[in-house]
Amino acid sequence: FAGCIGKLRCLSIPPAYLNWIYAWLLDRKRFIEINETRSRWFNIDKGCPQGSALSPTLFITYNCDLGSSLANCTKKRIKIFIDHLEYYLYLTDQPINTNKAQALFTARAIGHPKFDIHFNSGSKEKINWVPEYKYLGYLISSKLGWDKFLKFIMNK
């Protein structure tokens, strides 16, 4: 429970409330009953009491930073990929026009990551996120569907 209380403390929850929540979570015991036969009592040292109005709020608060952790993971992975791509292009003597480079984020989520990406080769040019990209005659969208490509072909 220390992690949950620590996160609540970082959110400036008053100490009196923190103490109450900690006491509410601490020293809980349960047993299991099947066909009128009870198990021994055992300590509960994880989670919140089921059915409590406070439990969902504590769960959401405890996990509220998960999205930012995943975003940082995505940012690091993209940065590593860009570094490897630059190195590969250097080794194979394929110059890259950083002014024309674009990034397409493909996922079921709406939009693109909320961070900037750059090449390391001394260019300060930002790589722009785009919702779709035309490559070798194919229109690739962030949703990886065929709709936009088929409409593009039908309108030709």
N, C-alpha and C. Protein backbone atom coordinates (compact mmCIF):
# COMPACT_ATOMS: atom_id res chain seq x y z
N PHE A 1 0.81 -1.21 0.00
CA PHE A 1 0.00 0.00 0.00
C PHE A 1 0.85 1.26 0.00
N ALA A 2 2.14 1.10 0.25
CA ALA A 2 3.02 2.26 0.32
C ALA A 2 3.06 3.01 -1.01
N GLY A 3 3.04 2.28 -2.14
CA GLY A 3 3.05 2.93 -3.45
C GLY A 3 1.83 3.79 -3.67
N CYS A 4 0.67 3.28 -3.29
CA CYS A 4 -0.58 4.04 -3.45
C CYS A 4 -0.56 5.28 -2.56
N ILE A 5 -0.17 5.11 -1.32
CA ILE A 5 -0.12 6.25 -0.39
C ILE A 5 0.91 7.27 -0.88
N GLY A 6 2.04 6.80 -1.41
CA GLY A 6 3.06 7.70 -1.95
C GLY A 6 2.53 8.53 -3.11
N LYS A 7 1.77 7.89 -4.00
CA LYS A 7 1.21 8.64 -5.13
C LYS A 7 0.18 9.65 -4.65
N LEU A 8 -0.63 9.27 -3.67
CA LEU A 8 -1.61 10.21 -3.11
C LEU A 8 -0.90 11.39 -2.45
N ARG A 9 0.21 11.11 -1.78
CA ARG A 9 0.99 12.18 -1.13
C ARG A 9 1.52 13.14 -2.19
N CYS A 10 1.99 12.61 -3.33
CA CYS A 10 2.49 13.46 -4.43
C CYS A 10 1.38 14.32 -5.02
N LEU A 11 0.14 13.87 -4.89
CA LEU A 11 -1.00 14.64 -5.38
C LEU A 11 -1.51 15.64 -4.33
N SER A 12 -0.74 15.81 -3.25
CA SER A 12 -1.04 16.76 -2.17
C SER A 12 -2.32 16.44 -1.40
N ILE A 13 -2.61 15.15 -1.26
CA ILE A 13 -3.74 14.75 -0.42
C ILE A 13 -3.33 15.03 1.03
N PRO A 14 -4.19 15.66 1.82
CA PRO A 14 -3.83 16.00 3.21
C PRO A 14 -3.47 14.76 4.03
N PRO A 15 -2.50 14.90 4.94
CA PRO A 15 -2.04 13.77 5.75
C PRO A 15 -3.16 13.06 6.52
N ALA A 16 -4.14 13.80 6.99
CA ALA A 16 -5.24 13.16 7.74
C ALA A 16 -5.98 12.16 6.86
N TYR A 17 -6.21 12.51 5.59
CA TYR A 17 -6.87 11.58 4.66
C TYR A 17 -5.96 10.40 4.34
N LEU A 18 -4.67 10.69 4.16
CA LEU A 18 -3.72 9.60 3.89
C LEU A 18 -3.71 8.59 5.02
N ASN A 19 -3.70 9.08 6.25
CA ASN A 19 -3.71 8.18 7.41
C ASN A 19 -4.99 7.36 7.46
N TRP A 20 -6.12 7.98 7.15
CA TRP A 20 -7.40 7.27 7.15
C TRP A 20 -7.41 6.17 6.08
N ILE A 21 -6.94 6.51 4.87
CA ILE A 21 -6.92 5.53 3.77
C ILE A 21 -5.96 4.39 4.12
N TYR A 22 -4.80 4.72 4.67
CA TYR A 22 -3.84 3.68 5.05
C TYR A 22 -4.44 2.74 6.09
N ALA A 23 -5.09 3.31 7.10
CA ALA A 23 -5.73 2.48 8.13
C ALA A 23 -6.84 1.62 7.53
N TRP A 24 -7.55 2.16 6.54
CA TRP A 24 -8.63 1.43 5.88
C TRP A 24 -8.09 0.24 5.08
N LEU A 25 -6.90 0.41 4.50
CA LEU A 25 -6.30 -0.65 3.68
C LEU A 25 -5.54 -1.68 4.51
N LEU A 26 -5.03 -1.29 5.66
CA LEU A 26 -4.14 -2.12 6.45
C LEU A 26 -4.90 -3.14 7.30
N ASP A 27 -4.26 -4.25 7.59
CA ASP A 27 -4.76 -5.28 8.51
C ASP A 27 -6.14 -5.81 8.15
N ARG A 28 -6.36 -6.08 6.89
CA ARG A 28 -7.63 -6.69 6.48
C ARG A 28 -7.47 -8.19 6.45
N LYS A 29 -8.52 -8.90 6.84
CA LYS A 29 -8.52 -10.36 6.84
C LYS A 29 -9.76 -10.86 6.13
N ARG A 30 -9.61 -12.01 5.52
CA ARG A 30 -10.72 -12.63 4.79
C ARG A 30 -10.68 -14.13 4.96
N PHE A 31 -11.80 -14.74 4.61
CA PHE A 31 -11.86 -16.19 4.48
C PHE A 31 -12.71 -16.51 3.27
N ILE A 32 -12.60 -17.73 2.79
CA ILE A 32 -13.39 -18.18 1.65
C ILE A 32 -14.37 -19.22 2.15
N GLU A 33 -15.60 -19.11 1.68
CA GLU A 33 -16.62 -20.08 2.08
C GLU A 33 -17.19 -20.76 0.84
N ILE A 34 -17.13 -22.09 0.84
CA ILE A 34 -17.70 -22.89 -0.25
C ILE A 34 -18.56 -23.98 0.38
N ASN A 35 -19.82 -24.05 -0.02
CA ASN A 35 -20.76 -25.06 0.51
C ASN A 35 -20.76 -25.09 2.04
N GLU A 36 -20.85 -23.91 2.64
CA GLU A 36 -20.91 -23.74 4.09
C GLU A 36 -19.65 -24.19 4.82
N THR A 37 -18.56 -24.37 4.08
CA THR A 37 -17.28 -24.71 4.69
C THR A 37 -16.35 -23.51 4.51
N ARG A 38 -15.83 -23.05 5.65
CA ARG A 38 -14.97 -21.87 5.62
C ARG A 38 -13.49 -22.25 5.66
N SER A 39 -12.71 -21.46 4.94
CA SER A 39 -11.26 -21.62 4.98
C SER A 39 -10.73 -20.95 6.25
N ARG A 40 -9.45 -21.07 6.45
CA ARG A 40 -8.83 -20.33 7.56
C ARG A 40 -8.83 -18.84 7.19
N TRP A 41 -8.66 -17.98 8.17
CA TRP A 41 -8.54 -16.55 7.91
C TRP A 41 -7.16 -16.28 7.32
N PHE A 42 -7.10 -15.37 6.36
CA PHE A 42 -5.80 -14.99 5.80
C PHE A 42 -5.76 -13.49 5.60
N ASN A 43 -4.55 -12.96 5.63
CA ASN A 43 -4.34 -11.51 5.50
C ASN A 43 -4.46 -11.09 4.04
N ILE A 44 -5.00 -9.90 3.85
CA ILE A 44 -5.07 -9.28 2.52
C ILE A 44 -4.07 -8.13 2.54
N ASP A 45 -3.03 -8.24 1.74
CA ASP A 45 -2.03 -7.18 1.73
C ASP A 45 -1.91 -6.48 0.38
N LYS A 46 -2.87 -6.72 -0.50
CA LYS A 46 -2.90 -6.05 -1.81
C LYS A 46 -4.33 -5.71 -2.15
N GLY A 47 -4.49 -4.69 -2.99
CA GLY A 47 -5.82 -4.35 -3.47
C GLY A 47 -6.66 -3.58 -2.47
N CYS A 48 -7.86 -3.26 -2.90
CA CYS A 48 -8.82 -2.52 -2.09
C CYS A 48 -10.03 -3.40 -1.81
N PRO A 49 -10.78 -3.08 -0.77
CA PRO A 49 -12.00 -3.85 -0.50
C PRO A 49 -12.98 -3.78 -1.67
N GLN A 50 -13.44 -4.94 -2.11
CA GLN A 50 -14.40 -4.98 -3.21
C GLN A 50 -15.73 -4.39 -2.77
N GLY A 51 -16.35 -3.67 -3.69
CA GLY A 51 -17.66 -3.09 -3.41
C GLY A 51 -17.61 -1.72 -2.77
N SER A 52 -16.43 -1.28 -2.39
CA SER A 52 -16.31 0.04 -1.77
C SER A 52 -16.37 1.13 -2.83
N ALA A 53 -16.96 2.26 -2.48
CA ALA A 53 -17.02 3.39 -3.41
C ALA A 53 -15.64 4.02 -3.61
N LEU A 54 -14.76 3.86 -2.65
CA LEU A 54 -13.43 4.45 -2.73
C LEU A 54 -12.46 3.61 -3.57
N SER A 55 -12.69 2.32 -3.66
CA SER A 55 -11.76 1.42 -4.36
C SER A 55 -11.50 1.80 -5.81
N PRO A 56 -12.53 2.07 -6.64
CA PRO A 56 -12.24 2.46 -8.03
C PRO A 56 -11.43 3.75 -8.13
N THR A 57 -11.71 4.70 -7.24
CA THR A 57 -10.97 5.97 -7.26
C THR A 57 -9.50 5.73 -6.92
N LEU A 58 -9.23 4.89 -5.93
CA LEU A 58 -7.84 4.59 -5.58
C LEU A 58 -7.14 3.85 -6.71
N PHE A 59 -7.85 2.93 -7.36
CA PHE A 59 -7.26 2.19 -8.48
C PHE A 59 -6.88 3.13 -9.61
N ILE A 60 -7.79 4.02 -9.98
CA ILE A 60 -7.53 4.97 -11.06
C ILE A 60 -6.38 5.90 -10.68
N THR A 61 -6.37 6.38 -9.44
CA THR A 61 -5.31 7.27 -8.98
C THR A 61 -3.96 6.55 -8.98
N TYR A 62 -3.95 5.30 -8.53
CA TYR A 62 -2.70 4.54 -8.48
C TYR A 62 -2.12 4.31 -9.87
N ASN A 63 -2.98 4.15 -10.86
CA ASN A 63 -2.54 3.85 -12.22
C ASN A 63 -2.59 5.05 -13.16
N CYS A 64 -2.82 6.25 -12.63
CA CYS A 64 -3.01 7.42 -13.49
C CYS A 64 -1.78 7.79 -14.31
N ASP A 65 -0.60 7.37 -13.90
CA ASP A 65 0.61 7.72 -14.65
C ASP A 65 1.01 6.65 -15.66
N LEU A 66 0.20 5.63 -15.82
CA LEU A 66 0.53 4.57 -16.76
C LEU A 66 0.66 5.09 -18.18
N GLY A 67 -0.25 5.96 -18.59
CA GLY A 67 -0.20 6.51 -19.94
C GLY A 67 1.09 7.25 -20.23
N SER A 68 1.55 8.04 -19.28
CA SER A 68 2.80 8.78 -19.51
C SER A 68 3.99 7.83 -19.56
N SER A 69 3.94 6.75 -18.80
CA SER A 69 5.02 5.76 -18.86
C SER A 69 5.07 5.11 -20.23
N LEU A 70 3.91 4.76 -20.77
CA LEU A 70 3.86 4.15 -22.09
C LEU A 70 4.28 5.14 -23.17
N ALA A 71 3.89 6.39 -23.01
CA ALA A 71 4.28 7.41 -23.99
C ALA A 71 5.79 7.55 -24.02
N ASN A 72 6.42 7.54 -22.85
CA ASN A 72 7.87 7.64 -22.80
C ASN A 72 8.51 6.43 -23.45
N CYS A 73 7.91 5.26 -23.25
CA CYS A 73 8.42 4.04 -23.87
C CYS A 73 8.35 4.18 -25.39
N THR A 74 7.23 4.64 -25.90
CA THR A 74 7.06 4.83 -27.34
C THR A 74 8.08 5.84 -27.85
N LYS A 75 8.25 6.92 -27.14
CA LYS A 75 9.20 7.96 -27.55
C LYS A 75 10.62 7.39 -27.62
N LYS A 76 11.01 6.62 -26.62
CA LYS A 76 12.35 6.04 -26.61
C LYS A 76 12.53 5.05 -27.76
N ARG A 77 11.52 4.23 -28.00
CA ARG A 77 11.61 3.25 -29.08
C ARG A 77 11.72 3.94 -30.44
N ILE A 78 10.95 5.00 -30.64
CA ILE A 78 11.03 5.73 -31.91
C ILE A 78 12.40 6.39 -32.05
N LYS A 79 12.92 6.96 -30.97
CA LYS A 79 14.23 7.60 -31.01
C LYS A 79 15.31 6.58 -31.35
N ILE A 80 15.25 5.40 -30.75
CA ILE A 80 16.22 4.34 -31.06
C ILE A 80 16.11 3.93 -32.52
N PHE A 81 14.88 3.81 -33.02
CA PHE A 81 14.68 3.45 -34.42
C PHE A 81 15.28 4.51 -35.35
N ILE A 82 15.03 5.79 -35.04
CA ILE A 82 15.58 6.88 -35.87
C ILE A 82 17.10 6.83 -35.86
N ASP A 83 17.70 6.59 -34.69
CA ASP A 83 19.16 6.49 -34.61
C ASP A 83 19.68 5.35 -35.47
N HIS A 84 19.03 4.18 -35.38
CA HIS A 84 19.45 3.04 -36.21
C HIS A 84 19.26 3.32 -37.70
N LEU A 85 18.16 3.96 -38.03
CA LEU A 85 17.90 4.31 -39.43
C LEU A 85 18.98 5.24 -39.97
N GLU A 86 19.33 6.26 -39.20
CA GLU A 86 20.38 7.19 -39.62
C GLU A 86 21.71 6.47 -39.82
N TYR A 87 22.03 5.58 -38.90
CA TYR A 87 23.29 4.84 -38.99
C TYR A 87 23.29 3.95 -40.23
N TYR A 88 22.19 3.25 -40.48
CA TYR A 88 22.06 2.40 -41.66
C TYR A 88 22.22 3.22 -42.94
N LEU A 89 21.55 4.35 -43.00
CA LEU A 89 21.63 5.20 -44.19
C LEU A 89 23.05 5.72 -44.40
N TYR A 90 23.75 6.01 -43.32
CA TYR A 90 25.14 6.45 -43.41
C TYR A 90 26.02 5.33 -43.96
N LEU A 91 25.86 4.11 -43.41
CA LEU A 91 26.67 2.97 -43.84
C LEU A 91 26.43 2.59 -45.29
N THR A 92 25.21 2.74 -45.74
CA THR A 92 24.86 2.34 -47.11
C THR A 92 24.93 3.52 -48.08
N ASP A 93 25.46 4.63 -47.62
CA ASP A 93 25.65 5.82 -48.45
C ASP A 93 24.35 6.27 -49.13
N GLN A 94 23.30 6.31 -48.33
CA GLN A 94 22.00 6.79 -48.83
C GLN A 94 21.66 8.08 -48.09
N PRO A 95 21.89 9.21 -48.72
CA PRO A 95 21.57 10.47 -48.03
C PRO A 95 20.07 10.60 -47.81
N ILE A 96 19.73 11.26 -46.74
CA ILE A 96 18.32 11.47 -46.42
C ILE A 96 18.02 12.96 -46.45
N ASN A 97 16.92 13.30 -47.04
CA ASN A 97 16.49 14.69 -47.08
C ASN A 97 15.64 14.94 -45.83
N THR A 98 16.26 15.47 -44.80
CA THR A 98 15.55 15.67 -43.53
C THR A 98 14.42 16.68 -43.65
N ASN A 99 14.47 17.54 -44.66
CA ASN A 99 13.38 18.51 -44.86
C ASN A 99 12.10 17.85 -45.34
N LYS A 100 12.22 16.69 -45.98
CA LYS A 100 11.05 16.01 -46.52
C LYS A 100 10.59 14.84 -45.65
N ALA A 101 11.35 14.50 -44.62
CA ALA A 101 11.01 13.34 -43.78
C ALA A 101 9.70 13.59 -43.04
N GLN A 102 8.87 12.57 -42.98
CA GLN A 102 7.60 12.64 -42.25
C GLN A 102 7.43 11.36 -41.44
N ALA A 103 6.64 11.45 -40.38
CA ALA A 103 6.37 10.29 -39.54
C ALA A 103 4.89 9.99 -39.56
N LEU A 104 4.58 8.71 -39.65
CA LEU A 104 3.19 8.25 -39.64
C LEU A 104 3.05 7.27 -38.50
N PHE A 105 2.20 7.58 -37.53
CA PHE A 105 1.98 6.71 -36.38
C PHE A 105 0.78 5.83 -36.69
N THR A 106 0.99 4.53 -36.70
CA THR A 106 -0.10 3.60 -37.01
C THR A 106 -0.55 2.91 -35.74
N ALA A 107 -1.81 3.12 -35.39
CA ALA A 107 -2.39 2.50 -34.20
C ALA A 107 -3.89 2.69 -34.26
N ARG A 108 -4.58 2.02 -33.38
CA ARG A 108 -6.03 2.18 -33.30
C ARG A 108 -6.40 3.45 -32.54
N ALA A 109 -5.43 4.03 -31.86
CA ALA A 109 -5.69 5.26 -31.10
C ALA A 109 -5.92 6.42 -32.05
N ILE A 110 -6.62 7.42 -31.56
CA ILE A 110 -6.88 8.62 -32.36
C ILE A 110 -5.69 9.56 -32.21
N GLY A 111 -5.22 10.06 -33.34
CA GLY A 111 -4.12 11.03 -33.30
C GLY A 111 -2.76 10.36 -33.31
N HIS A 112 -1.77 11.12 -32.95
CA HIS A 112 -0.39 10.64 -32.94
C HIS A 112 0.23 11.01 -31.60
N PRO A 113 1.40 10.44 -31.29
CA PRO A 113 2.05 10.79 -30.02
C PRO A 113 2.29 12.29 -29.91
N LYS A 114 2.30 12.77 -28.69
CA LYS A 114 2.44 14.22 -28.44
C LYS A 114 3.89 14.59 -28.11
N PHE A 115 4.82 14.15 -28.93
CA PHE A 115 6.20 14.56 -28.75
C PHE A 115 6.83 14.77 -30.13
N ASP A 116 7.92 15.53 -30.15
CA ASP A 116 8.62 15.82 -31.39
C ASP A 116 9.74 14.81 -31.60
N ILE A 117 10.03 14.52 -32.86
CA ILE A 117 11.17 13.66 -33.18
C ILE A 117 12.08 14.39 -34.16
N HIS A 118 13.38 14.13 -34.02
CA HIS A 118 14.40 14.79 -34.83
C HIS A 118 15.45 13.76 -35.24
N PHE A 119 16.14 14.05 -36.35
CA PHE A 119 17.32 13.28 -36.71
C PHE A 119 18.49 13.81 -35.91
N ASN A 120 19.51 12.97 -35.70
CA ASN A 120 20.70 13.38 -34.95
C ASN A 120 21.77 14.00 -35.81
N SER A 121 21.64 13.94 -37.11
CA SER A 121 22.72 14.31 -38.03
C SER A 121 23.03 15.80 -38.06
N GLY A 122 22.75 16.50 -37.00
CA GLY A 122 23.04 17.92 -36.95
C GLY A 122 21.88 18.79 -37.39
N SER A 123 20.91 18.20 -38.03
CA SER A 123 19.74 18.97 -38.48
C SER A 123 18.82 19.24 -37.31
N LYS A 124 18.36 20.43 -37.21
CA LYS A 124 17.40 20.78 -36.15
C LYS A 124 15.97 20.66 -36.65
N GLU A 125 15.81 20.19 -37.89
CA GLU A 125 14.48 20.06 -38.48
C GLU A 125 13.66 19.02 -37.72
N LYS A 126 12.46 19.39 -37.40
CA LYS A 126 11.53 18.47 -36.74
C LYS A 126 10.89 17.58 -37.80
N ILE A 127 10.73 16.30 -37.49
CA ILE A 127 10.03 15.39 -38.38
C ILE A 127 8.55 15.52 -38.07
N ASN A 128 7.76 15.91 -39.04
CA ASN A 128 6.33 16.17 -38.83
C ASN A 128 5.52 14.88 -38.83
N TRP A 129 4.56 14.82 -37.92
CA TRP A 129 3.60 13.72 -37.90
C TRP A 129 2.53 14.00 -38.96
N VAL A 130 2.18 12.98 -39.73
CA VAL A 130 1.14 13.14 -40.75
C VAL A 130 0.08 12.05 -40.57
N PRO A 131 -1.18 12.34 -40.93
CA PRO A 131 -2.25 11.35 -40.76
C PRO A 131 -2.27 10.29 -41.88
N GLU A 132 -1.62 10.63 -43.01
CA GLU A 132 -1.55 9.68 -44.13
C GLU A 132 -0.32 10.01 -44.96
N TYR A 133 0.10 9.03 -45.77
CA TYR A 133 1.33 9.20 -46.53
C TYR A 133 1.20 8.43 -47.84
N LYS A 134 1.60 9.05 -48.92
CA LYS A 134 1.58 8.38 -50.22
C LYS A 134 2.97 7.82 -50.48
N TYR A 135 3.02 6.50 -50.68
CA TYR A 135 4.29 5.82 -50.88
C TYR A 135 4.18 4.83 -52.03
N LEU A 136 4.98 5.03 -53.05
CA LEU A 136 4.99 4.17 -54.24
C LEU A 136 3.59 3.99 -54.81
N GLY A 137 2.81 5.06 -54.81
CA GLY A 137 1.47 5.02 -55.38
C GLY A 137 0.38 4.56 -54.43
N TYR A 138 0.76 4.09 -53.25
CA TYR A 138 -0.22 3.65 -52.26
C TYR A 138 -0.42 4.74 -51.22
N LEU A 139 -1.66 4.93 -50.82
CA LEU A 139 -1.99 5.90 -49.78
C LEU A 139 -2.11 5.12 -48.47
N ILE A 140 -1.18 5.36 -47.56
CA ILE A 140 -1.16 4.66 -46.28
C ILE A 140 -1.70 5.60 -45.23
N SER A 141 -2.72 5.15 -44.49
CA SER A 141 -3.30 5.98 -43.43
C SER A 141 -2.85 5.46 -42.07
N SER A 142 -3.02 6.27 -41.05
CA SER A 142 -2.62 5.87 -39.70
C SER A 142 -3.42 4.68 -39.19
N LYS A 143 -4.60 4.45 -39.76
CA LYS A 143 -5.43 3.31 -39.35
C LYS A 143 -5.12 2.05 -40.15
N LEU A 144 -4.23 2.16 -41.13
CA LEU A 144 -3.82 1.04 -41.98
C LEU A 144 -4.99 0.39 -42.71
N GLY A 145 -6.01 1.16 -43.00
CA GLY A 145 -7.16 0.64 -43.73
C GLY A 145 -7.01 0.89 -45.22
N TRP A 146 -7.93 0.35 -45.99
CA TRP A 146 -7.91 0.50 -47.44
C TRP A 146 -8.83 1.61 -47.93
N ASP A 147 -9.67 2.16 -47.07
CA ASP A 147 -10.69 3.12 -47.49
C ASP A 147 -10.13 4.29 -48.29
N LYS A 148 -9.17 5.00 -47.73
CA LYS A 148 -8.63 6.19 -48.40
C LYS A 148 -7.93 5.83 -49.70
N PHE A 149 -7.21 4.72 -49.70
CA PHE A 149 -6.52 4.30 -50.91
C PHE A 149 -7.53 3.96 -52.01
N LEU A 150 -8.59 3.22 -51.66
CA LEU A 150 -9.60 2.86 -52.66
C LEU A 150 -10.31 4.10 -53.20
N LYS A 151 -10.64 5.05 -52.32
CA LYS A 151 -11.27 6.29 -52.78
C LYS A 151 -10.32 7.07 -53.69
N PHE A 152 -9.05 7.08 -53.35
CA PHE A 152 -8.05 7.75 -54.16
C PHE A 152 -7.98 7.13 -55.56
N ILE A 153 -7.97 5.80 -55.63
CA ILE A 153 -7.91 5.09 -56.91
C ILE A 153 -9.19 5.32 -57.71
N MET A 154 -10.34 5.28 -57.05
CA MET A 154 -11.62 5.44 -57.74
C MET A 154 -11.79 6.86 -58.30
N ASN A 155 -11.18 7.85 -57.65
CA ASN A 155 -11.29 9.23 -58.11
C ASN A 155 -10.28 9.58 -59.19
N LYS A 156 -9.39 8.67 -59.54
CA LYS A 156 -8.39 8.94 -60.58
C LYS A 156 -9.02 8.98 -61.94
